[in-house]
PDB file of N, CA and C in Angstrom:
ATOM      1  N   UNK A   1      25.308 -45.409 -21.297  1.00  0.00           N
ATOM      2  CA  UNK A   1      24.106 -45.568 -20.508  1.00  0.00           C
ATOM      3  C   UNK A   1      23.718 -44.223 -19.937  1.00  0.00           C
ATOM      4  N   UNK A   2      22.456 -43.872 -20.128  1.00  0.00           N
ATOM      5  CA  UNK A   2      21.938 -42.616 -19.618  1.00  0.00           C
ATOM      6  C   UNK A   2      20.560 -42.864 -19.027  1.00  0.00           C
ATOM      7  N   UNK A   3      20.274 -42.195 -17.913  1.00  0.00           N
ATOM      8  CA  UNK A   3      18.961 -42.283 -17.297  1.00  0.00           C
ATOM      9  C   UNK A   3      18.275 -40.934 -17.466  1.00  0.00           C
ATOM     10  N   UNK A   4      17.205 -40.911 -18.254  1.00  0.00           N
ATOM     11  CA  UNK A   4      16.509 -39.661 -18.533  1.00  0.00           C
ATOM     12  C   UNK A   4      15.078 -39.736 -18.015  1.00  0.00           C
ATOM     13  N   UNK A   5      14.863 -39.368 -16.773  1.00  0.00           N
ATOM     14  CA  UNK A   5      13.525 -39.299 -16.215  1.00  0.00           C
ATOM     15  C   UNK A   5      12.674 -40.534 -16.425  1.00  0.00           C
ATOM     16  N   UNK A   6      13.119 -41.682 -15.969  1.00  0.00           N
ATOM     17  CA  UNK A   6      12.351 -42.916 -16.112  1.00  0.00           C
ATOM     18  C   UNK A   6      12.712 -43.724 -17.342  1.00  0.00           C
ATOM     19  N   UNK A   7      13.504 -43.151 -18.230  1.00  0.00           N
ATOM     20  CA  UNK A   7      13.970 -43.877 -19.414  1.00  0.00           C
ATOM     21  C   UNK A   7      15.448 -44.184 -19.266  1.00  0.00           C
ATOM     22  N   UNK A   8      15.845 -45.310 -19.802  1.00  0.00           N
ATOM     23  CA  UNK A   8      17.253 -45.691 -19.800  1.00  0.00           C
ATOM     24  C   UNK A   8      17.707 -45.836 -21.240  1.00  0.00           C
ATOM     25  N   UNK A   9      18.804 -45.190 -21.589  1.00  0.00           N
ATOM     26  CA  UNK A   9      19.412 -45.342 -22.905  1.00  0.00           C
ATOM     27  C   UNK A   9      20.623 -46.256 -22.779  1.00  0.00           C
ATOM     28  N   UNK A  10      20.589 -47.356 -23.520  1.00  0.00           N
ATOM     29  CA  UNK A  10      21.692 -48.315 -23.513  1.00  0.00           C
ATOM     30  C   UNK A  10      22.301 -48.379 -24.909  1.00  0.00           C
ATOM     31  N   UNK A  11      23.577 -48.694 -25.012  1.00  0.00           N
ATOM     32  CA  UNK A  11      24.173 -48.813 -26.343  1.00  0.00           C
ATOM     33  C   UNK A  11      23.611 -50.025 -27.084  1.00  0.00           C
ATOM     34  N   UNK A  12      23.383 -49.859 -28.380  1.00  0.00           N
ATOM     35  CA  UNK A  12      22.916 -50.943 -29.247  1.00  0.00           C
ATOM     36  C   UNK A  12      24.130 -51.449 -30.016  1.00  0.00           C
ATOM     37  N   UNK A  13      24.785 -52.450 -29.473  1.00  0.00           N
ATOM     38  CA  UNK A  13      26.052 -52.934 -30.011  1.00  0.00           C
ATOM     39  C   UNK A  13      25.851 -53.856 -31.202  1.00  0.00           C
ATOM     40  N   UNK A  14      26.907 -54.113 -31.915  1.00  0.00           N
ATOM     41  CA  UNK A  14      26.871 -55.025 -33.058  1.00  0.00           C
ATOM     42  C   UNK A  14      26.480 -56.433 -32.605  1.00  0.00           C
ATOM     43  N   UNK A  15      27.007 -56.865 -31.466  1.00  0.00           N
ATOM     44  CA  UNK A  15      26.670 -58.188 -30.935  1.00  0.00           C
ATOM     45  C   UNK A  15      25.191 -58.264 -30.590  1.00  0.00           C
ATOM     46  N   UNK A  16      24.662 -57.220 -29.956  1.00  0.00           N
ATOM     47  CA  UNK A  16      23.234 -57.190 -29.614  1.00  0.00           C
ATOM     48  C   UNK A  16      22.383 -57.251 -30.879  1.00  0.00           C
ATOM     49  N   UNK A  17      22.790 -56.536 -31.911  1.00  0.00           N
ATOM     50  CA  UNK A  17      22.052 -56.529 -33.177  1.00  0.00           C
ATOM     51  C   UNK A  17      22.095 -57.901 -33.846  1.00  0.00           C
ATOM     52  N   UNK A  18      23.255 -58.515 -33.908  1.00  0.00           N
ATOM     53  CA  UNK A  18      23.398 -59.789 -34.615  1.00  0.00           C
ATOM     54  C   UNK A  18      22.748 -60.965 -33.898  1.00  0.00           C
ATOM     55  N   UNK A  19      22.763 -60.961 -32.571  1.00  0.00           N
ATOM     56  CA  UNK A  19      22.262 -62.116 -31.819  1.00  0.00           C
ATOM     57  C   UNK A  19      20.920 -61.878 -31.130  1.00  0.00           C
ATOM     58  N   UNK A  20      20.366 -60.673 -31.206  1.00  0.00           N
ATOM     59  CA  UNK A  20      19.031 -60.417 -30.697  1.00  0.00           C
ATOM     60  C   UNK A  20      18.932 -60.227 -29.198  1.00  0.00           C
ATOM     61  N   UNK A  21      19.769 -59.350 -28.656  1.00  0.00           N
ATOM     62  CA  UNK A  21      19.758 -59.098 -27.216  1.00  0.00           C
ATOM     63  C   UNK A  21      19.668 -57.613 -26.904  1.00  0.00           C
ATOM     64  N   UNK A  22      19.119 -57.332 -25.732  1.00  0.00           N
ATOM     65  CA  UNK A  22      19.299 -56.036 -25.085  1.00  0.00           C
ATOM     66  C   UNK A  22      20.362 -56.300 -24.035  1.00  0.00           C
ATOM     67  N   UNK A  23      21.480 -55.607 -24.100  1.00  0.00           N
ATOM     68  CA  UNK A  23      22.577 -55.847 -23.161  1.00  0.00           C
ATOM     69  C   UNK A  23      22.971 -54.555 -22.466  1.00  0.00           C
ATOM     70  N   UNK A  24      23.641 -54.701 -21.334  1.00  0.00           N
ATOM     71  CA  UNK A  24      24.152 -53.538 -20.609  1.00  0.00           C
ATOM     72  C   UNK A  24      25.400 -53.937 -19.843  1.00  0.00           C
ATOM     73  N   UNK A  25      26.193 -52.953 -19.497  1.00  0.00           N
ATOM     74  CA  UNK A  25      27.426 -53.147 -18.734  1.00  0.00           C
ATOM     75  C   UNK A  25      27.147 -53.170 -17.240  1.00  0.00           C
ATOM     76  N   UNK A  26      28.100 -53.636 -16.470  1.00  0.00           N
ATOM     77  CA  UNK A  26      27.951 -53.733 -15.025  1.00  0.00           C
ATOM     78  C   UNK A  26      27.662 -52.376 -14.387  1.00  0.00           C
ATOM     79  N   UNK A  27      28.293 -51.330 -14.893  1.00  0.00           N
ATOM     80  CA  UNK A  27      28.093 -50.008 -14.296  1.00  0.00           C
ATOM     81  C   UNK A  27      26.663 -49.494 -14.485  1.00  0.00           C
ATOM     82  N   UNK A  28      25.893 -50.097 -15.389  1.00  0.00           N
ATOM     83  CA  UNK A  28      24.506 -49.694 -15.614  1.00  0.00           C
ATOM     84  C   UNK A  28      23.510 -50.547 -14.826  1.00  0.00           C
ATOM     85  N   UNK A  29      23.991 -51.516 -14.066  1.00  0.00           N
ATOM     86  CA  UNK A  29      23.100 -52.415 -13.317  1.00  0.00           C
ATOM     87  C   UNK A  29      22.083 -51.670 -12.459  1.00  0.00           C
ATOM     88  N   UNK A  30      22.518 -50.702 -11.695  1.00  0.00           N
ATOM     89  CA  UNK A  30      21.624 -50.002 -10.775  1.00  0.00           C
ATOM     90  C   UNK A  30      20.515 -49.272 -11.532  1.00  0.00           C
ATOM     91  N   UNK A  31      20.852 -48.639 -12.644  1.00  0.00           N
ATOM     92  CA  UNK A  31      19.866 -47.903 -13.422  1.00  0.00           C
ATOM     93  C   UNK A  31      18.882 -48.868 -14.093  1.00  0.00           C
ATOM     94  N   UNK A  32      19.388 -49.966 -14.639  1.00  0.00           N
ATOM     95  CA  UNK A  32      18.521 -50.947 -15.280  1.00  0.00           C
ATOM     96  C   UNK A  32      17.609 -51.597 -14.249  1.00  0.00           C
ATOM     97  N   UNK A  33      18.145 -51.941 -13.082  1.00  0.00           N
ATOM     98  CA  UNK A  33      17.305 -52.505 -12.015  1.00  0.00           C
ATOM     99  C   UNK A  33      16.250 -51.506 -11.549  1.00  0.00           C
ATOM    100  N   UNK A  34      16.604 -50.239 -11.532  1.00  0.00           N
ATOM    101  CA  UNK A  34      15.637 -49.215 -11.156  1.00  0.00           C
ATOM    102  C   UNK A  34      14.495 -49.109 -12.149  1.00  0.00           C
ATOM    103  N   UNK A  35      14.780 -49.330 -13.422  1.00  0.00           N
ATOM    104  CA  UNK A  35      13.759 -49.257 -14.457  1.00  0.00           C
ATOM    105  C   UNK A  35      12.949 -50.551 -14.550  1.00  0.00           C
ATOM    106  N   UNK A  36      13.641 -51.692 -14.528  1.00  0.00           N
ATOM    107  CA  UNK A  36      12.959 -52.977 -14.694  1.00  0.00           C
ATOM    108  C   UNK A  36      12.457 -53.569 -13.387  1.00  0.00           C
ATOM    109  N   UNK A  37      13.032 -53.123 -12.271  1.00  0.00           N
ATOM    110  CA  UNK A  37      12.661 -53.706 -10.987  1.00  0.00           C
ATOM    111  C   UNK A  37      13.440 -54.990 -10.745  1.00  0.00           C
ATOM    112  N   UNK A  38      13.144 -55.640  -9.650  1.00  0.00           N
ATOM    113  CA  UNK A  38      13.864 -56.864  -9.274  1.00  0.00           C
ATOM    114  C   UNK A  38      13.156 -58.121  -9.793  1.00  0.00           C
ATOM    115  N   UNK A  39      12.497 -58.009 -10.910  1.00  0.00           N
ATOM    116  CA  UNK A  39      11.745 -59.157 -11.415  1.00  0.00           C
ATOM    117  C   UNK A  39      12.591 -60.058 -12.289  1.00  0.00           C
ATOM    118  N   UNK A  40      12.070 -61.238 -12.536  1.00  0.00           N
ATOM    119  CA  UNK A  40      12.789 -62.218 -13.354  1.00  0.00           C
ATOM    120  C   UNK A  40      12.393 -62.162 -14.823  1.00  0.00           C
ATOM    121  N   UNK A  41      11.222 -61.572 -15.116  1.00  0.00           N
ATOM    122  CA  UNK A  41      10.757 -61.482 -16.499  1.00  0.00           C
ATOM    123  C   UNK A  41       9.909 -60.224 -16.666  1.00  0.00           C
ATOM    124  N   UNK A  42       9.865 -59.717 -17.889  1.00  0.00           N
ATOM    125  CA  UNK A  42       9.053 -58.548 -18.211  1.00  0.00           C
ATOM    126  C   UNK A  42       8.384 -58.770 -19.569  1.00  0.00           C
ATOM    127  N   UNK A  43       7.330 -58.015 -19.816  1.00  0.00           N
ATOM    128  CA  UNK A  43       6.701 -57.979 -21.136  1.00  0.00           C
ATOM    129  C   UNK A  43       7.300 -56.796 -21.880  1.00  0.00           C
ATOM    130  N   UNK A  44       7.775 -57.029 -23.096  1.00  0.00           N
ATOM    131  CA  UNK A  44       8.401 -55.975 -23.885  1.00  0.00           C
ATOM    132  C   UNK A  44       7.494 -55.574 -25.034  1.00  0.00           C
ATOM    133  N   UNK A  45       7.269 -54.274 -25.173  1.00  0.00           N
ATOM    134  CA  UNK A  45       6.519 -53.743 -26.301  1.00  0.00           C
ATOM    135  C   UNK A  45       7.530 -53.131 -27.260  1.00  0.00           C
ATOM    136  N   UNK A  46       7.719 -53.803 -28.403  1.00  0.00           N
ATOM    137  CA  UNK A  46       8.735 -53.391 -29.367  1.00  0.00           C
ATOM    138  C   UNK A  46       8.057 -53.080 -30.689  1.00  0.00           C
ATOM    139  N   UNK A  47       8.103 -51.816 -31.094  1.00  0.00           N
ATOM    140  CA  UNK A  47       7.536 -51.366 -32.367  1.00  0.00           C
ATOM    141  C   UNK A  47       6.117 -51.876 -32.571  1.00  0.00           C
ATOM    142  N   UNK A  48       5.283 -51.741 -31.552  1.00  0.00           N
ATOM    143  CA  UNK A  48       3.877 -52.102 -31.653  1.00  0.00           C
ATOM    144  C   UNK A  48       3.542 -53.558 -31.381  1.00  0.00           C
ATOM    145  N   UNK A  49       4.532 -54.419 -31.270  1.00  0.00           N
ATOM    146  CA  UNK A  49       4.245 -55.827 -30.977  1.00  0.00           C
ATOM    147  C   UNK A  49       4.676 -56.148 -29.542  1.00  0.00           C
ATOM    148  N   UNK A  50       4.031 -57.132 -28.965  1.00  0.00           N
ATOM    149  CA  UNK A  50       4.292 -57.498 -27.577  1.00  0.00           C
ATOM    150  C   UNK A  50       5.050 -58.816 -27.510  1.00  0.00           C
ATOM    151  N   UNK A  51       6.142 -58.819 -26.784  1.00  0.00           N
ATOM    152  CA  UNK A  51       6.868 -60.048 -26.478  1.00  0.00           C
ATOM    153  C   UNK A  51       6.674 -60.296 -24.987  1.00  0.00           C
ATOM    154  N   UNK A  52       5.861 -61.290 -24.672  1.00  0.00           N
ATOM    155  CA  UNK A  52       5.473 -61.538 -23.287  1.00  0.00           C
ATOM    156  C   UNK A  52       6.487 -62.404 -22.553  1.00  0.00           C
ATOM    157  N   UNK A  53       6.626 -62.123 -21.264  1.00  0.00           N
ATOM    158  CA  UNK A  53       7.430 -62.920 -20.335  1.00  0.00           C
ATOM    159  C   UNK A  53       8.858 -63.175 -20.830  1.00  0.00           C
ATOM    160  N   UNK A  54       9.544 -62.113 -21.218  1.00  0.00           N
ATOM    161  CA  UNK A  54      10.944 -62.236 -21.624  1.00  0.00           C
ATOM    162  C   UNK A  54      11.814 -62.266 -20.369  1.00  0.00           C
ATOM    163  N   UNK A  55      12.601 -63.307 -20.227  1.00  0.00           N
ATOM    164  CA  UNK A  55      13.416 -63.503 -19.034  1.00  0.00           C
ATOM    165  C   UNK A  55      14.591 -62.530 -19.014  1.00  0.00           C
ATOM    166  N   UNK A  56      14.828 -61.959 -17.846  1.00  0.00           N
ATOM    167  CA  UNK A  56      15.975 -61.066 -17.650  1.00  0.00           C
ATOM    168  C   UNK A  56      17.118 -61.903 -17.086  1.00  0.00           C
ATOM    169  N   UNK A  57      18.212 -61.966 -17.805  1.00  0.00           N
ATOM    170  CA  UNK A  57      19.395 -62.695 -17.349  1.00  0.00           C
ATOM    171  C   UNK A  57      20.299 -61.685 -16.630  1.00  0.00           C
ATOM    172  N   UNK A  58      20.114 -61.571 -15.315  1.00  0.00           N
ATOM    173  CA  UNK A  58      20.870 -60.586 -14.530  1.00  0.00           C
ATOM    174  C   UNK A  58      22.347 -60.941 -14.470  1.00  0.00           C
ATOM    175  N   UNK A  59      22.680 -62.220 -14.520  1.00  0.00           N
ATOM    176  CA  UNK A  59      24.088 -62.630 -14.440  1.00  0.00           C
ATOM    177  C   UNK A  59      24.858 -62.190 -15.693  1.00  0.00           C
ATOM    178  N   UNK A  60      24.272 -62.411 -16.866  1.00  0.00           N
ATOM    179  CA  UNK A  60      24.935 -62.034 -18.120  1.00  0.00           C
ATOM    180  C   UNK A  60      24.516 -60.656 -18.615  1.00  0.00           C
ATOM    181  N   UNK A  61      23.616 -59.992 -17.858  1.00  0.00           N
ATOM    182  CA  UNK A  61      23.159 -58.639 -18.157  1.00  0.00           C
ATOM    183  C   UNK A  61      22.573 -58.535 -19.566  1.00  0.00           C
ATOM    184  N   UNK A  62      21.498 -59.304 -19.798  1.00  0.00           N
ATOM    185  CA  UNK A  62      20.874 -59.272 -21.113  1.00  0.00           C
ATOM    186  C   UNK A  62      19.429 -59.752 -21.060  1.00  0.00           C
ATOM    187  N   UNK A  63      18.689 -59.387 -22.100  1.00  0.00           N
ATOM    188  CA  UNK A  63      17.332 -59.858 -22.330  1.00  0.00           C
ATOM    189  C   UNK A  63      17.276 -60.274 -23.794  1.00  0.00           C
ATOM    190  N   UNK A  64      16.886 -61.500 -24.057  1.00  0.00           N
ATOM    191  CA  UNK A  64      16.791 -61.993 -25.439  1.00  0.00           C
ATOM    192  C   UNK A  64      15.509 -61.477 -26.069  1.00  0.00           C
ATOM    193  N   UNK A  65      15.630 -60.847 -27.246  1.00  0.00           N
ATOM    194  CA  UNK A  65      14.445 -60.350 -27.952  1.00  0.00           C
ATOM    195  C   UNK A  65      14.376 -60.881 -29.383  1.00  0.00           C
ATOM    196  N   UNK A  66      15.150 -61.840 -29.746  1.00  0.00           N
ATOM    197  CA  UNK A  66      15.241 -62.504 -31.055  1.00  0.00           C
ATOM    198  C   UNK A  66      15.943 -61.640 -32.102  1.00  0.00           C
ATOM    199  N   UNK A  67      16.774 -62.277 -32.866  1.00  0.00           N
ATOM    200  CA  UNK A  67      17.556 -61.554 -33.858  1.00  0.00           C
ATOM    201  C   UNK A  67      16.710 -61.075 -35.024  1.00  0.00           C
ATOM    202  N   UNK A  68      15.553 -61.682 -35.248  1.00  0.00           N
ATOM    203  CA  UNK A  68      14.698 -61.194 -36.338  1.00  0.00           C
ATOM    204  C   UNK A  68      14.225 -59.767 -36.063  1.00  0.00           C
ATOM    205  N   UNK A  69      14.059 -59.420 -34.807  1.00  0.00           N
ATOM    206  CA  UNK A  69      13.675 -58.054 -34.444  1.00  0.00           C
ATOM    207  C   UNK A  69      14.874 -57.121 -34.587  1.00  0.00           C
ATOM    208  N   UNK A  70      16.003 -57.480 -34.006  1.00  0.00           N
ATOM    209  CA  UNK A  70      17.149 -56.567 -33.975  1.00  0.00           C
ATOM    210  C   UNK A  70      17.790 -56.365 -35.347  1.00  0.00           C
ATOM    211  N   UNK A  71      17.780 -57.378 -36.182  1.00  0.00           N
ATOM    212  CA  UNK A  71      18.371 -57.202 -37.516  1.00  0.00           C
ATOM    213  C   UNK A  71      17.507 -56.344 -38.424  1.00  0.00           C
ATOM    214  N   UNK A  72      16.231 -56.210 -38.092  1.00  0.00           N
ATOM    215  CA  UNK A  72      15.334 -55.372 -38.872  1.00  0.00           C
ATOM    216  C   UNK A  72      15.375 -53.903 -38.486  1.00  0.00           C
ATOM    217  N   UNK A  73      16.115 -53.587 -37.437  1.00  0.00           N
ATOM    218  CA  UNK A  73      16.213 -52.205 -36.963  1.00  0.00           C
ATOM    219  C   UNK A  73      17.123 -51.409 -37.892  1.00  0.00           C
ATOM    220  N   UNK A  74      16.819 -50.148 -38.057  1.00  0.00           N
ATOM    221  CA  UNK A  74      17.605 -49.272 -38.921  1.00  0.00           C
ATOM    222  C   UNK A  74      19.092 -49.311 -38.552  1.00  0.00           C
ATOM    223  N   UNK A  75      19.962 -49.352 -39.539  1.00  0.00           N
ATOM    224  CA  UNK A  75      21.408 -49.346 -39.258  1.00  0.00           C
ATOM    225  C   UNK A  75      21.866 -48.070 -38.559  1.00  0.00           C
ATOM    226  N   UNK A  76      21.073 -47.006 -38.628  1.00  0.00           N
ATOM    227  CA  UNK A  76      21.426 -45.757 -37.977  1.00  0.00           C
ATOM    228  C   UNK A  76      21.195 -45.788 -36.473  1.00  0.00           C
ATOM    229  N   UNK A  77      20.410 -46.749 -35.993  1.00  0.00           N
ATOM    230  CA  UNK A  77      20.113 -46.840 -34.555  1.00  0.00           C
ATOM    231  C   UNK A  77      21.360 -47.266 -33.796  1.00  0.00           C
ATOM    232  N   UNK A  78      21.714 -46.504 -32.768  1.00  0.00           N
ATOM    233  CA  UNK A  78      22.901 -46.809 -31.970  1.00  0.00           C
ATOM    234  C   UNK A  78      22.574 -46.992 -30.490  1.00  0.00           C
ATOM    235  N   UNK A  79      21.323 -46.743 -30.115  1.00  0.00           N
ATOM    236  CA  UNK A  79      20.918 -46.842 -28.713  1.00  0.00           C
ATOM    237  C   UNK A  79      19.583 -47.558 -28.593  1.00  0.00           C
ATOM    238  N   UNK A  80      19.393 -48.167 -27.431  1.00  0.00           N
ATOM    239  CA  UNK A  80      18.131 -48.794 -27.068  1.00  0.00           C
ATOM    240  C   UNK A  80      17.559 -47.997 -25.907  1.00  0.00           C
ATOM    241  N   UNK A  81      16.319 -47.576 -26.032  1.00  0.00           N
ATOM    242  CA  UNK A  81      15.647 -46.813 -24.988  1.00  0.00           C
ATOM    243  C   UNK A  81      14.627 -47.717 -24.309  1.00  0.00           C
ATOM    244  N   UNK A  82      14.745 -47.875 -22.995  1.00  0.00           N
ATOM    245  CA  UNK A  82      13.805 -48.669 -22.207  1.00  0.00           C
ATOM    246  C   UNK A  82      13.006 -47.732 -21.321  1.00  0.00           C
ATOM    247  N   UNK A  83      11.686 -47.880 -21.359  1.00  0.00           N
ATOM    248  CA  UNK A  83      10.825 -47.058 -20.507  1.00  0.00           C
ATOM    249  C   UNK A  83       9.722 -47.941 -19.943  1.00  0.00           C
ATOM    250  N   UNK A  84       9.616 -47.965 -18.646  1.00  0.00           N
ATOM    251  CA  UNK A  84       8.598 -48.772 -17.980  1.00  0.00           C
ATOM    252  C   UNK A  84       7.252 -48.074 -18.131  1.00  0.00           C
ATOM    253  N   UNK A  85       6.250 -48.802 -18.660  1.00  0.00           N
ATOM    254  CA  UNK A  85       4.935 -48.202 -18.862  1.00  0.00           C
ATOM    255  C   UNK A  85       3.863 -48.814 -17.963  1.00  0.00           C
ATOM    256  N   UNK A  86       4.172 -49.910 -17.306  1.00  0.00           N
ATOM    257  CA  UNK A  86       3.288 -50.486 -16.286  1.00  0.00           C
ATOM    258  C   UNK A  86       4.140 -51.354 -15.369  1.00  0.00           C
ATOM    259  N   UNK A  87       3.494 -52.057 -14.477  1.00  0.00           N
ATOM    260  CA  UNK A  87       4.233 -52.860 -13.507  1.00  0.00           C
ATOM    261  C   UNK A  87       5.105 -53.922 -14.174  1.00  0.00           C
ATOM    262  N   UNK A  88       4.608 -54.551 -15.244  1.00  0.00           N
ATOM    263  CA  UNK A  88       5.365 -55.624 -15.895  1.00  0.00           C
ATOM    264  C   UNK A  88       5.687 -55.335 -17.353  1.00  0.00           C
ATOM    265  N   UNK A  89       5.270 -54.190 -17.891  1.00  0.00           N
ATOM    266  CA  UNK A  89       5.496 -53.901 -19.303  1.00  0.00           C
ATOM    267  C   UNK A  89       6.524 -52.788 -19.486  1.00  0.00           C
ATOM    268  N   UNK A  90       7.428 -53.016 -20.457  1.00  0.00           N
ATOM    269  CA  UNK A  90       8.490 -52.065 -20.760  1.00  0.00           C
ATOM    270  C   UNK A  90       8.433 -51.747 -22.250  1.00  0.00           C
ATOM    271  N   UNK A  91       8.464 -50.457 -22.570  1.00  0.00           N
ATOM    272  CA  UNK A  91       8.490 -50.005 -23.953  1.00  0.00           C
ATOM    273  C   UNK A  91       9.943 -49.965 -24.410  1.00  0.00           C
ATOM    274  N   UNK A  92      10.218 -50.567 -25.566  1.00  0.00           N
ATOM    275  CA  UNK A  92      11.574 -50.614 -26.125  1.00  0.00           C
ATOM    276  C   UNK A  92      11.568 -49.848 -27.439  1.00  0.00           C
ATOM    277  N   UNK A  93      12.468 -48.869 -27.555  1.00  0.00           N
ATOM    278  CA  UNK A  93      12.637 -48.102 -28.802  1.00  0.00           C
ATOM    279  C   UNK A  93      14.097 -48.136 -29.205  1.00  0.00           C
ATOM    280  N   UNK A  94      14.345 -48.131 -30.493  1.00  0.00           N
ATOM    281  CA  UNK A  94      15.708 -48.078 -31.026  1.00  0.00           C
ATOM    282  C   UNK A  94      15.911 -46.684 -31.597  1.00  0.00           C
ATOM    283  N   UNK A  95      16.911 -45.962 -31.079  1.00  0.00           N
ATOM    284  CA  UNK A  95      17.158 -44.590 -31.531  1.00  0.00           C
ATOM    285  C   UNK A  95      18.582 -44.410 -31.985  1.00  0.00           C
TER     286      UNK A  95
END
């Protein structure tokens, strides 16, 4: 987990890829909360498409984005980059 000027880099794990989640560890909670805010849901912009009102599961530290999206990501991608672009919208990139 890395915080780069408003962006958060999270590991893109095999479990996240197979089951369609954005996940993070407990030690990244403060950084993720700083980026996403204390809200219960966000709109995610992933590769040009919008996934509206995706619920943030703070207890299990994950956001479901569907496995059809994550399995289509390049096998070389090892990180997920989250960047807040408006009050409720977050840009998601796989790097």
